[in-house]
Structures are given as C-alpha cells and as structure tokens.
Amino acid sequence: MLTKTDYNRYLQCPKYLWLNKNRKELAPPVTETQQALFDQGYKVEAYAHNLFPGGVEVKGWYKKGRAETQAYIREGHKTIYQANAMTNNLYAKADILHFNNQTKKWDLYEVKSSTSVKEEHIPDLAFQKIALERDGIPIGKTYLVHINKEYVRQGEIDPKELLKTEDLTEAVNNERSSVEANIPKTLEIIKFKEEVKKRIGKQCDNPYECPFKAYCWKDLPEYNIFNLQRISEKQITQLQALGIEKIADIPDDFEMNQKQENQVVAVKTGKDFIDTQSIENAINTISYPLYFLDYETYASAIPLFDGLKPYQQMPFQYSLHVIRSKGEEPEHFEYLHTSKDNPLPGLLASMKNHIRNTGSVIVWYKAFEMGRNEEMAKLCPEYAEFLESVNKRVFDLMEIFSNQYYISPKFKGSASIKKVLPVVVPELSYNDLEDVQEGKIASLYWFKHVYNESADKERIARNLLEYCKLDTLAMVEIWRKVLRLY
C-alpha cells in the first residue's frame, strides 16, 4: 500500500521511504514542536472547511474510510472532508472534495498551512488525483488552499480573507505522467529486502528535515563538511566524490568563498583567529549605558490578535541586562506576559521604563530584534518614537563572529550564540536549564502557559524567565571576553 505521504517521502529521498516502511523504529518520536506545527495545520484546515459549509466528514481510515466516502457519494452529498480513496496498492485522503454541478466531476482542494504554493505541492495533488480516479471518483479541477500572507486580523477571523485558493489544474495535469511512472518504482522500493543506498546531502533537510537524519548521519565525523558555512549542493557532490567527510581534509585548492577558506584554515591549524583591530573598531562605536536585549516571540498561522499577520513574530517576553558605565556590574530586568490579552502594550511599557534615550542596545542578530521593533511600532504607534530610537542604537554582537573577526574551529562554522557561548564562556550553559533550552520550545511553552489550563503554569513561567535571562547574560559575558581580546 502506497500513500501520498509515502510518495512524498520517495521524492525527497528513496531511503527515507524505505526506512519509514521497514525500520520505523529508527525514527525518534514526534517532538512537542512538531506536534504544535501539526496542530496549527489542523486549525487551518478547519477554517478551510468554512469555505465549503455543510459538508460531511469521513472519520475512518483505509477500508472503513473508503466505505464512508462511497456511502456519502451515493447519498448525494456535494462536499466531503477527508474523502478516502483506496485501490489494491494506492491510498489517499483528500482534504476537501466538492462536486461541480457543471462538469459533473469532483473538484479537489488540498489545504496547506504554508503562505504560498511550493514545488512539492504539485506531485502531492497529482498523486491524490490518480488515487481518487483509480477508485472511481472523477476529478475535475485541482486547487491548493493556503494562508494569505497579506491577511491582517481585524476582529473575528474571516476564512475567505485568511485563505487563498489557487488553481493548479494545469500544473497537476502536467505532473501526472511523471507520478504515474514513479508509482511502480516506489512500490518496488518498499519491497526491497536490503536498505536503500543513498548519499546524505541537502535532501536530508529539503523540503523537510528527515526524521531518520540522525541515523543516516551517525557515522559522520563530529566536524564534517556539512559544517562548512553555506556549503552548496555542488560542493557537497564534489567533496563526496573525493571521499572527503572531514573539514580538515578539504584540499587547499578546493574552490571556496573567503569565509569558507578562513573556516577551513582555522580547523587545519587548530588555532583561533582574532582580528583585534576590526574588533576594536566595532567596539568603539558603542556608548554607555549598555542595554543587552533579547525577545522571545510566538508566531501562529492564525493571528492571535488584531493587527497581526499570519506567522508574524509577536514578542511576549523580554530580558534586559543593563551596564550603566564601564566596569559596573549589570542590572537585570525582565517581562513575561501571562494573560490572554495582547502582550505588546504591557511589554513595551515595561521596556520603555528601563531603556533610556542614550546608550547602545546590544542584541544577537539585529535583523530579528529590529524587525520586531518596526512591527511593534506599527501596532502600538504610541511607542513608535521610542522603538525608532532603540533601533538607531542597535549593535549586533553576533557580527564579531559572523564577520569572522573572531574565528575558532570550535564554533564549527556557526555564529549562533548556542555555538559561541560554550567556547568563549564555557562556565555558562543552556544545558543546565530545565525544559526550555531553545527559542522554539520557549514559544511553545508560552502558549501552553497562557492557553492551557492544565499546564504547570508556575514551573513553565519560571523556566521561560530563566531561559530568556540566560540569553542576555550570555551576551554580557561574551561581551566581557571580547573586550579582553584587544
């Protein structure tokens, strides 16, 4: 039995399909973050049903689901949610089937929580169409329903504004012959007794991270070619053809950009490279007091509050360490929104109380914080002048590392604070935190904290505060170490 999900796995990587069918135990369990994404998808689908009200929903799967679908068709229902099609070797569930009285065929609607049509959506729809038609359900038009990225919430969610419907009939019909040809190949792969051989590569993360990635990558050296900054598919293929896995084994004459070359030299020499003059020049642009600022944000496919767009990052928490003058110890301030109303007014009022009109605001990856400030200025215009002032004074501490003024082989080609901190300030660690150790988890736990009545709210709030506090404390300590480099 080949499902549309199986077919999508095959297109990403034949080994992914084989492992999922034959060695499923090698995949880790679904994480809370992944489940949260699935749950968002279900919410989007529920809104899509409102575009075709009055439909009936198939509850069963496989034989039971097919029987329900056929019964609804016989009974004359014009809209069916989760219609099942099953032949001797194909199975598909269609998000929405809507009968077209003019063509006397069923129009197929696939619902995605993305904000645009993606390349992988075309074969997905083509497979569904083939399965449905082989099961005797004639398909007319094929559509993709996806999130309208320009939608701005004002009051109750309007499904017709939230969602866009795009006619992909021509693209799907053009793809059909390719899918028809691939189906027998895909069915054969499932039957293979031996594991499918496939070199690891970009497909391990494209279009989605493969759940078997840890298994397939287990024999890679700790510092391998995939750690090379912005490595291209061409470079991967060339290095694999040479049998090279380690960064240290990359030939001196291998074609790379300057940052990649610098990274490889650092690995081969085993030494840190520190451009003290560039660091000093950067540091000299900073003025006291220093405000080390970090936000935690929540992004939802369905905007939570008026003025927000789908997937817009909404700050719900900040941490701030303030050093008033050179040599002083930092003071810490923080804010965590804990009620179901819009967090921005309370967060901004608190922040404005602690960030004065002079001094540098130090962040890690300024595009994120500055982008949030610009968005909040539009949503809360009474704070626009304050936020504009903050953005004019931003200093991006990450650029010391992303611009390679400081290179260490231990960074493994990354300028992420999670990679830099253990090297520069080994006495601080995110691993010591309980539950929340990275931003995606913080976002998920905040939503749990506010909207889940059964959650351990006190513990979650404490962990969120500790996580965000460590982000700014990490910047403070990295800053102090950087000052000693010149």
Protein backbone atom coordinates (compact mmCIF):
# COMPACT_ATOMS: atom_id res chain seq x y z
CA MET A 1 0.00 0.00 0.00
CA LEU A 2 1.43 3.34 -1.09
CA THR A 3 0.06 6.53 0.48
CA LYS A 4 0.55 10.08 -0.78
CA THR A 5 2.81 10.69 2.21
CA ASP A 6 4.89 7.68 1.17
CA TYR A 7 5.17 9.10 -2.31
CA ASN A 8 6.31 12.47 -0.96
CA ARG A 9 8.95 10.66 1.10
CA TYR A 10 10.15 8.90 -2.04
CA LEU A 11 10.51 12.21 -3.87
CA GLN A 12 12.59 13.62 -1.02
CA CYS A 13 14.76 10.52 -0.71
CA PRO A 14 14.10 6.85 -1.62
CA LYS A 15 15.99 5.79 1.51
CA TYR A 16 13.60 7.86 3.62
CA LEU A 17 10.67 5.91 2.18
CA TRP A 18 12.35 2.53 2.72
CA LEU A 19 13.33 3.29 6.31
CA ASN A 20 9.85 4.53 7.15
CA LYS A 21 8.31 1.33 5.80
CA ASN A 22 10.88 -1.13 7.11
CA ARG A 23 12.79 0.44 10.03
CA LYS A 24 10.31 2.89 11.50
CA GLU A 25 11.70 2.30 14.99
CA LEU A 26 14.85 4.22 13.99
CA ALA A 27 12.91 7.49 13.82
CA PRO A 28 12.62 9.50 17.05
CA PRO A 29 9.14 10.18 18.47
CA VAL A 30 7.32 13.31 17.35
CA THR A 31 8.55 16.29 19.35
CA GLU A 32 6.31 18.83 21.04
CA THR A 33 7.41 21.43 18.50
CA GLN A 34 6.49 19.17 15.58
CA GLN A 35 3.15 18.34 17.17
CA ALA A 36 2.45 22.05 17.59
CA LEU A 37 3.00 22.50 13.84
CA PHE A 38 0.62 19.63 13.10
CA ASP A 39 -1.98 21.18 15.40
CA GLN A 40 -1.68 24.50 13.56
CA GLY A 41 -2.28 22.65 10.30
CA TYR A 42 -5.48 21.14 11.70
CA LYS A 43 -6.70 24.63 12.68
CA VAL A 44 -6.04 25.95 9.18
CA GLU A 45 -7.93 23.01 7.70
CA ALA A 46 -10.90 23.71 9.97
CA TYR A 47 -11.06 27.27 8.61
CA ALA A 48 -10.82 25.89 5.06
CA HIS A 49 -13.93 23.78 5.72
CA ASN A 50 -15.80 27.04 6.27
CA LEU A 51 -15.17 27.88 2.62
CA PHE A 52 -17.43 24.93 1.80
CA PRO A 53 -20.01 24.83 4.62
CA GLY A 54 -22.43 21.99 5.04
CA GLY A 55 -20.04 19.21 4.08
CA VAL A 56 -19.76 15.79 5.68
CA GLU A 57 -16.55 14.48 7.20
CA VAL A 58 -15.15 10.98 6.77
CA LYS A 59 -13.94 9.73 10.15
CA GLY A 60 -12.48 6.36 9.19
CA TRP A 61 -9.26 5.33 7.52
CA TYR A 62 -8.46 2.82 4.79
CA LYS A 63 -11.29 0.34 4.13
CA LYS A 64 -13.61 1.92 6.67
CA GLY A 65 -12.85 5.42 5.37
CA ARG A 66 -13.37 4.33 1.77
CA ALA A 67 -16.73 2.78 2.65
CA GLU A 68 -17.84 6.02 4.36
CA THR A 69 -16.72 8.06 1.35
CA GLN A 70 -18.59 5.88 -1.13
CA ALA A 71 -21.71 5.99 1.06
CA TYR A 72 -21.63 9.80 1.17
CA ILE A 73 -21.29 9.92 -2.62
CA ARG A 74 -24.26 7.58 -3.07
CA GLU A 75 -26.30 9.69 -0.65
CA GLY A 76 -25.73 12.74 -2.86
CA HIS A 77 -23.55 14.88 -0.59
CA LYS A 78 -21.82 17.64 -2.55
CA THR A 79 -18.91 18.37 -0.18
CA ILE A 80 -16.83 15.72 1.57
CA TYR A 81 -14.00 16.43 4.00
CA GLN A 82 -11.25 13.81 4.33
CA ALA A 83 -12.57 11.65 1.48
CA ASN A 84 -10.73 8.32 1.26
CA ALA A 85 -9.63 6.59 -1.93
CA MET A 86 -8.14 3.11 -1.85
CA THR A 87 -7.18 0.68 -4.60
CA ASN A 88 -5.20 -2.53 -4.37
CA ASN A 89 -1.96 -0.58 -3.84
CA LEU A 90 -2.74 3.16 -3.51
CA TYR A 91 -4.32 5.14 -0.71
CA ALA A 92 -5.08 8.84 -0.34
CA LYS A 93 -7.14 11.16 1.86
CA ALA A 94 -8.39 14.34 0.21
CA ASP A 95 -8.82 17.39 2.43
CA ILE A 96 -11.89 18.62 0.54
CA LEU A 97 -13.87 17.19 -2.39
CA HIS A 98 -16.54 19.49 -3.80
CA PHE A 99 -18.91 18.32 -6.54
CA ASN A 100 -19.06 20.60 -9.58
CA ASN A 101 -22.61 20.54 -10.96
CA GLN A 102 -21.46 21.86 -14.34
CA THR A 103 -18.67 19.38 -15.06
CA LYS A 104 -20.27 16.53 -13.07
CA LYS A 105 -16.86 15.91 -11.53
CA TRP A 106 -15.35 16.43 -8.11
CA ASP A 107 -13.02 19.35 -7.61
CA LEU A 108 -10.10 18.54 -5.31
CA TYR A 109 -8.85 21.01 -2.69
CA GLU A 110 -5.64 20.40 -0.77
CA VAL A 111 -5.17 22.58 2.34
CA LYS A 112 -1.69 23.66 3.39
CA SER A 113 -0.59 25.97 6.20
CA SER A 114 2.15 27.47 4.01
CA THR A 115 1.86 31.02 2.69
CA SER A 116 2.45 30.11 -0.97
CA VAL A 117 2.38 27.29 -3.49
CA LYS A 118 5.52 25.18 -3.18
CA GLU A 119 7.14 22.83 -5.64
CA GLU A 120 6.31 19.77 -3.57
CA HIS A 121 2.58 20.55 -3.57
CA ILE A 122 2.18 19.66 -7.27
CA PRO A 123 3.11 15.94 -7.10
CA ASP A 124 1.16 15.70 -3.84
CA LEU A 125 -2.02 16.76 -5.64
CA ALA A 126 -1.23 14.67 -8.72
CA PHE A 127 -0.90 11.53 -6.58
CA GLN A 128 -4.24 12.24 -4.90
CA LYS A 129 -5.94 12.74 -8.25
CA ILE A 130 -4.58 9.44 -9.57
CA ALA A 131 -5.66 7.53 -6.45
CA LEU A 132 -9.15 9.06 -6.47
CA GLU A 133 -9.72 8.42 -10.16
CA ARG A 134 -8.45 4.84 -9.93
CA ASP A 135 -11.04 4.37 -7.20
CA GLY A 136 -13.79 5.59 -9.49
CA ILE A 137 -14.10 9.20 -8.33
CA PRO A 138 -13.78 11.52 -11.36
CA ILE A 139 -11.69 14.62 -10.61
CA GLY A 140 -12.11 17.93 -12.41
CA LYS A 141 -10.13 20.89 -11.14
CA THR A 142 -7.36 20.69 -8.54
CA TYR A 143 -6.75 23.55 -6.13
CA LEU A 144 -4.39 24.46 -3.33
CA VAL A 145 -5.79 26.37 -0.35
CA HIS A 146 -3.08 28.14 1.61
CA ILE A 147 -2.56 31.00 4.06
CA ASN A 148 -2.80 34.53 2.68
CA LYS A 149 0.38 36.13 4.00
CA GLU A 150 -1.06 39.64 3.49
CA TYR A 151 -4.08 38.98 5.71
CA VAL A 152 -4.31 41.25 8.75
CA ARG A 153 -6.65 40.23 11.52
CA GLN A 154 -9.37 42.71 12.45
CA GLY A 155 -11.98 41.15 14.72
CA GLU A 156 -13.20 37.62 14.07
CA ILE A 157 -11.19 35.52 11.61
CA ASP A 158 -12.67 35.65 8.10
CA PRO A 159 -11.74 32.38 6.32
CA LYS A 160 -12.23 33.98 2.90
CA GLU A 161 -9.63 36.61 3.77
CA LEU A 162 -7.31 34.35 5.76
CA LEU A 163 -7.02 31.79 2.95
CA LYS A 164 -6.14 31.94 -0.74
CA THR A 165 -7.28 29.33 -3.28
CA GLU A 166 -5.08 28.77 -6.32
CA ASP A 167 -6.00 26.70 -9.37
CA LEU A 168 -3.17 24.23 -10.02
CA THR A 169 -5.06 22.05 -12.51
CA GLU A 170 -2.68 22.61 -15.41
CA ALA A 171 0.47 22.02 -13.34
CA VAL A 172 -1.03 18.92 -11.76
CA ASN A 173 -2.07 17.51 -15.13
CA ASN A 174 1.44 18.12 -16.47
CA GLU A 175 2.90 16.30 -13.46
CA ARG A 176 0.59 13.32 -13.74
CA SER A 177 2.63 11.27 -16.23
CA SER A 178 5.72 11.57 -14.04
CA VAL A 179 3.79 10.39 -10.97
CA GLU A 180 2.25 7.52 -12.94
CA ALA A 181 5.76 6.43 -13.99
CA ASN A 182 7.14 6.73 -10.45
CA ILE A 183 4.40 4.77 -8.67
CA PRO A 184 5.67 1.31 -9.78
CA LYS A 185 9.25 2.29 -8.85
CA THR A 186 8.10 3.46 -5.45
CA LEU A 187 6.17 0.25 -4.80
CA GLU A 188 9.26 -1.78 -5.71
CA ILE A 189 11.45 0.16 -3.26
CA ILE A 190 9.09 -0.68 -0.43
CA LYS A 191 9.63 -4.39 -1.14
CA PHE A 192 13.44 -4.25 -1.13
CA LYS A 193 14.94 -6.58 1.47
CA GLU A 194 18.13 -4.55 1.79
CA GLU A 195 18.33 -0.93 2.91
CA VAL A 196 18.32 1.54 0.03
CA LYS A 197 21.71 3.18 -0.54
CA LYS A 198 21.72 6.96 -0.80
CA ARG A 199 24.40 9.51 -0.03
CA ILE A 200 23.47 12.06 2.56
CA GLY A 201 23.03 15.60 1.26
CA LYS A 202 20.76 18.59 1.02
CA GLN A 203 17.75 16.29 0.63
CA CYS A 204 18.12 15.38 4.31
CA ASP A 205 16.60 18.77 5.12
CA ASN A 206 14.69 19.61 1.96
CA PRO A 207 11.79 20.19 1.79
CA TYR A 208 11.59 18.95 5.42
CA GLU A 209 14.08 17.58 7.91
CA CYS A 210 14.04 13.81 7.59
CA PRO A 211 13.25 12.01 10.86
CA PHE A 212 15.95 9.46 10.01
CA LYS A 213 18.66 12.09 9.68
CA ALA A 214 20.36 11.15 12.96
CA TYR A 215 20.51 7.51 11.82
CA CYS A 216 21.91 8.32 8.37
CA TRP A 217 24.41 10.85 9.74
CA LYS A 218 25.58 8.78 12.70
CA ASP A 219 28.95 7.83 11.19
CA LEU A 220 29.92 11.34 10.11
CA PRO A 221 32.91 12.89 11.87
CA GLU A 222 31.99 15.40 14.56
CA TYR A 223 33.31 18.32 12.46
CA ASN A 224 32.31 17.41 8.92
CA ILE A 225 31.83 19.06 5.52
CA PHE A 226 28.21 19.87 6.32
CA ASN A 227 29.50 22.31 8.92
CA LEU A 228 31.12 24.35 6.14
CA GLN A 229 29.42 27.75 6.03
CA ARG A 230 26.75 27.91 3.31
CA ILE A 231 28.02 24.78 1.59
CA SER A 232 26.40 24.30 -1.81
CA GLU A 233 24.99 21.12 -3.35
CA LYS A 234 27.79 21.29 -5.93
CA GLN A 235 30.46 21.47 -3.23
CA ILE A 236 28.90 18.55 -1.35
CA THR A 237 28.87 16.41 -4.50
CA GLN A 238 32.48 17.28 -5.33
CA LEU A 239 33.75 16.53 -1.83
CA GLN A 240 31.82 13.27 -1.60
CA ALA A 241 33.25 12.21 -4.97
CA LEU A 242 36.70 12.74 -3.45
CA GLY A 243 35.70 10.67 -0.43
CA ILE A 244 36.11 13.64 1.91
CA GLU A 245 33.98 13.91 5.04
CA LYS A 246 36.16 15.94 7.42
CA ILE A 247 36.59 19.70 7.17
CA ALA A 248 40.28 19.17 7.88
CA ASP A 249 40.67 17.01 4.75
CA ILE A 250 39.35 19.61 2.29
CA PRO A 251 42.17 20.28 -0.23
CA ASP A 252 43.82 23.69 -0.17
CA ASP A 253 42.94 24.23 -3.84
CA PHE A 254 39.25 23.36 -3.42
CA GLU A 255 37.03 26.20 -4.67
CA MET A 256 35.50 28.07 -1.72
CA ASN A 257 34.49 31.59 -0.78
CA GLN A 258 36.65 33.61 1.60
CA LYS A 259 34.65 32.81 4.74
CA GLN A 260 34.76 29.10 3.96
CA GLU A 261 38.52 29.29 3.39
CA ASN A 262 39.01 31.05 6.72
CA GLN A 263 36.97 28.38 8.46
CA VAL A 264 38.99 25.56 6.90
CA VAL A 265 42.31 27.22 7.77
CA ALA A 266 41.21 27.55 11.41
CA VAL A 267 40.33 23.86 11.51
CA LYS A 268 43.59 22.75 9.89
CA THR A 269 45.74 24.86 12.16
CA GLY A 270 43.63 24.20 15.24
CA LYS A 271 44.07 27.83 16.21
CA ASP A 272 41.73 30.72 16.86
CA PHE A 273 41.98 33.68 14.52
CA ILE A 274 41.31 37.06 16.12
CA ASP A 275 41.28 40.33 14.17
CA THR A 276 41.86 42.67 17.10
CA GLN A 277 41.78 45.84 15.02
CA SER A 278 38.36 45.07 13.50
CA ILE A 279 37.02 44.13 16.93
CA GLU A 280 38.32 47.38 18.43
CA ASN A 281 36.82 49.41 15.58
CA ALA A 282 33.44 47.77 16.14
CA ILE A 283 33.54 48.20 19.92
CA ASN A 284 34.43 51.88 19.57
CA THR A 285 31.03 52.56 18.01
CA ILE A 286 29.32 51.63 21.29
CA SER A 287 28.38 54.06 24.06
CA TYR A 288 27.26 53.54 27.66
CA PRO A 289 24.86 52.69 29.18
CA LEU A 290 24.69 49.28 27.50
CA TYR A 291 21.35 47.51 27.14
CA PHE A 292 21.62 43.79 26.36
CA LEU A 293 18.20 42.94 24.94
CA ASP A 294 16.50 39.72 23.84
CA TYR A 295 12.90 38.91 22.90
CA GLU A 296 11.01 35.63 22.93
CA THR A 297 8.21 35.53 20.37
CA TYR A 298 5.23 33.47 19.30
CA ALA A 299 4.16 33.03 15.67
CA SER A 300 0.86 31.46 14.71
CA ALA A 301 -0.69 30.60 11.36
CA ILE A 302 -3.92 32.03 12.76
CA PRO A 303 -3.13 35.51 14.15
CA LEU A 304 -3.99 35.73 17.84
CA PHE A 305 -4.75 39.47 17.96
CA ASP A 306 -5.93 42.32 15.77
CA GLY A 307 -3.24 43.89 13.61
CA LEU A 308 -1.17 40.71 13.31
CA LYS A 309 -0.48 38.79 10.10
CA PRO A 310 -0.15 35.01 9.82
CA TYR A 311 3.17 33.80 11.24
CA GLN A 312 4.09 37.29 12.42
CA GLN A 313 6.52 37.03 15.32
CA MET A 314 4.84 38.53 18.37
CA PRO A 315 7.07 39.32 21.37
CA PHE A 316 5.61 38.10 24.65
CA GLN A 317 8.74 38.34 26.79
CA TYR A 318 12.00 40.23 27.05
CA SER A 319 15.15 40.07 29.12
CA LEU A 320 17.37 43.09 29.65
CA HIS A 321 20.77 43.37 31.28
CA VAL A 322 21.93 46.96 31.77
CA ILE A 323 25.51 48.11 32.39
CA ARG A 324 25.34 51.80 33.36
CA SER A 325 29.02 52.61 32.93
CA LYS A 326 32.33 50.88 32.21
CA GLY A 327 33.33 48.46 34.95
CA GLU A 328 29.91 48.35 36.63
CA GLU A 329 28.03 45.12 37.28
CA PRO A 330 24.91 44.53 35.16
CA GLU A 331 21.37 45.04 36.46
CA HIS A 332 18.68 42.67 35.20
CA PHE A 333 15.10 43.49 34.20
CA GLU A 334 12.51 41.24 32.60
CA TYR A 335 8.91 40.94 31.48
CA LEU A 336 6.76 37.88 30.77
CA HIS A 337 3.16 38.30 29.66
CA THR A 338 0.96 35.78 31.45
CA SER A 339 -2.61 36.64 30.44
CA LYS A 340 -4.59 36.00 27.24
CA ASP A 341 -4.76 39.62 26.10
CA ASN A 342 -2.33 41.25 23.67
CA PRO A 343 1.14 41.22 25.30
CA LEU A 344 2.59 44.18 23.35
CA PRO A 345 1.27 47.16 25.38
CA GLY A 346 2.45 45.71 28.69
CA LEU A 347 5.79 44.57 27.28
CA LEU A 348 6.54 47.95 25.68
CA ALA A 349 5.50 49.93 28.75
CA SER A 350 7.88 47.87 30.85
CA MET A 351 10.72 48.10 28.34
CA LYS A 352 10.42 51.86 27.92
CA ASN A 353 10.71 52.22 31.68
CA HIS A 354 14.19 50.64 31.60
CA ILE A 355 15.75 51.68 28.26
CA ARG A 356 16.68 55.37 28.29
CA ASN A 357 17.26 57.69 25.34
CA THR A 358 21.02 57.29 25.22
CA GLY A 359 23.34 54.29 25.14
CA SER A 360 23.77 51.26 22.86
CA VAL A 361 21.26 48.43 22.63
CA ILE A 362 23.18 45.17 22.17
CA VAL A 363 21.47 42.21 20.54
CA TRP A 364 22.42 38.96 18.86
CA TYR A 365 21.32 39.03 15.18
CA LYS A 366 19.94 42.53 14.83
CA ALA A 367 17.59 41.76 11.92
CA PHE A 368 15.32 39.90 14.32
CA GLU A 369 15.05 42.43 17.15
CA MET A 370 14.93 45.41 14.80
CA GLY A 371 12.27 43.74 12.71
CA ARG A 372 10.13 43.14 15.77
CA ASN A 373 10.59 46.76 16.85
CA GLU A 374 9.43 48.02 13.45
CA GLU A 375 6.36 45.80 13.60
CA MET A 376 5.52 46.80 17.17
CA ALA A 377 5.83 50.48 16.22
CA LYS A 378 3.04 49.98 13.67
CA LEU A 379 0.88 48.01 16.08
CA CYS A 380 1.45 50.38 19.01
CA PRO A 381 2.11 53.81 17.45
CA GLU A 382 2.29 55.47 20.87
CA TYR A 383 5.66 53.67 21.24
CA ALA A 384 6.88 54.32 17.68
CA GLU A 385 9.30 57.10 18.65
CA PHE A 386 10.78 55.01 21.46
CA LEU A 387 11.23 51.94 19.22
CA GLU A 388 12.77 54.03 16.44
CA SER A 389 15.26 55.38 18.98
CA VAL A 390 16.11 51.83 20.10
CA ASN A 391 16.70 50.69 16.51
CA LYS A 392 19.03 53.61 15.79
CA ARG A 393 21.25 52.48 18.68
CA VAL A 394 21.39 48.74 18.00
CA PHE A 395 24.76 46.99 18.00
CA ASP A 396 24.85 43.39 16.78
CA LEU A 397 27.30 41.45 18.93
CA MET A 398 26.92 38.43 16.64
CA GLU A 399 28.71 40.33 13.85
CA ILE A 400 32.00 39.98 15.72
CA PHE A 401 31.68 36.28 14.88
CA SER A 402 29.63 36.26 11.66
CA ASN A 403 32.07 38.77 10.11
CA GLN A 404 34.89 36.48 11.26
CA TYR A 405 36.72 39.00 13.42
CA TYR A 406 36.90 36.03 15.78
CA ILE A 407 37.16 32.54 14.32
CA SER A 408 37.51 29.36 16.35
CA PRO A 409 37.41 25.83 14.95
CA LYS A 410 35.22 25.02 17.93
CA PHE A 411 32.43 27.27 16.56
CA LYS A 412 32.01 24.71 13.75
CA GLY A 413 31.32 27.43 11.23
CA SER A 414 28.39 28.89 13.16
CA ALA A 415 27.86 32.33 14.70
CA SER A 416 24.90 31.11 16.74
CA ILE A 417 25.06 32.10 20.39
CA LYS A 418 24.49 28.41 21.22
CA LYS A 419 27.80 27.61 19.45
CA VAL A 420 29.78 30.65 20.55
CA LEU A 421 28.90 30.62 24.26
CA PRO A 422 30.37 27.18 25.18
CA VAL A 423 33.66 28.18 23.56
CA VAL A 424 34.02 31.75 24.78
CA VAL A 425 32.26 31.37 28.15
CA PRO A 426 32.35 27.64 28.98
CA GLU A 427 31.16 28.24 32.55
CA LEU A 428 27.69 29.19 31.22
CA SER A 429 25.49 26.58 29.59
CA TYR A 430 21.97 26.26 28.22
CA ASN A 431 22.15 22.56 29.05
CA ASP A 432 21.69 23.36 32.73
CA LEU A 433 18.21 24.79 32.11
CA GLU A 434 15.08 22.79 32.84
CA ASP A 435 12.77 22.06 29.85
CA VAL A 436 13.38 25.26 27.89
CA GLN A 437 16.75 25.29 26.12
CA GLU A 438 15.96 26.94 22.78
CA GLY A 439 13.63 29.54 21.29
CA LYS A 440 11.12 27.25 19.59
CA ILE A 441 10.46 25.46 22.86
CA ALA A 442 10.12 28.80 24.67
CA SER A 443 7.45 29.85 22.18
CA LEU A 444 5.56 26.59 22.59
CA TYR A 445 5.77 26.71 26.39
CA TRP A 446 4.50 30.27 26.49
CA PHE A 447 1.39 29.25 24.54
CA LYS A 448 0.93 26.34 26.96
CA HIS A 449 1.43 28.68 29.89
CA VAL A 450 -1.26 31.11 28.78
CA TYR A 451 -3.81 28.95 26.97
CA ASN A 452 -3.59 25.50 28.57
CA GLU A 453 -5.45 25.43 31.86
CA SER A 454 -3.90 22.11 32.89
CA ALA A 455 -0.31 23.29 32.44
CA ASP A 456 2.04 23.70 35.39
CA LYS A 457 2.00 27.45 34.95
CA GLU A 458 4.34 28.36 37.76
CA ARG A 459 7.08 25.99 36.58
CA ILE A 460 6.68 27.00 32.93
CA ALA A 461 6.86 30.71 33.79
CA ARG A 462 9.97 30.15 35.89
CA ASN A 463 11.68 28.21 33.11
CA LEU A 464 10.79 30.82 30.48
CA LEU A 465 12.24 33.60 32.62
CA GLU A 466 15.43 31.64 33.28
CA TYR A 467 15.90 30.85 29.57
CA CYS A 468 15.45 34.41 28.35
CA LYS A 469 17.63 35.73 31.18
CA LEU A 470 20.44 33.42 30.10
CA ASP A 471 20.25 34.79 26.54
CA THR A 472 21.13 38.30 27.69
CA LEU A 473 23.52 37.16 30.40
CA ALA A 474 25.35 35.15 27.72
CA MET A 475 25.73 38.34 25.68
CA VAL A 476 27.07 40.20 28.71
CA GLU A 477 29.71 37.54 29.39
CA ILE A 478 30.68 37.19 25.71
CA TRP A 479 30.98 40.98 25.59
CA ARG A 480 33.30 40.97 28.58
CA LYS A 481 35.51 38.32 26.98
CA VAL A 482 35.57 40.25 23.67
CA LEU A 483 36.78 43.38 25.49
CA ARG A 484 39.88 41.45 26.63
CA LEU A 485 40.84 40.47 23.07
CA TYR A 486 42.41 43.80 22.15
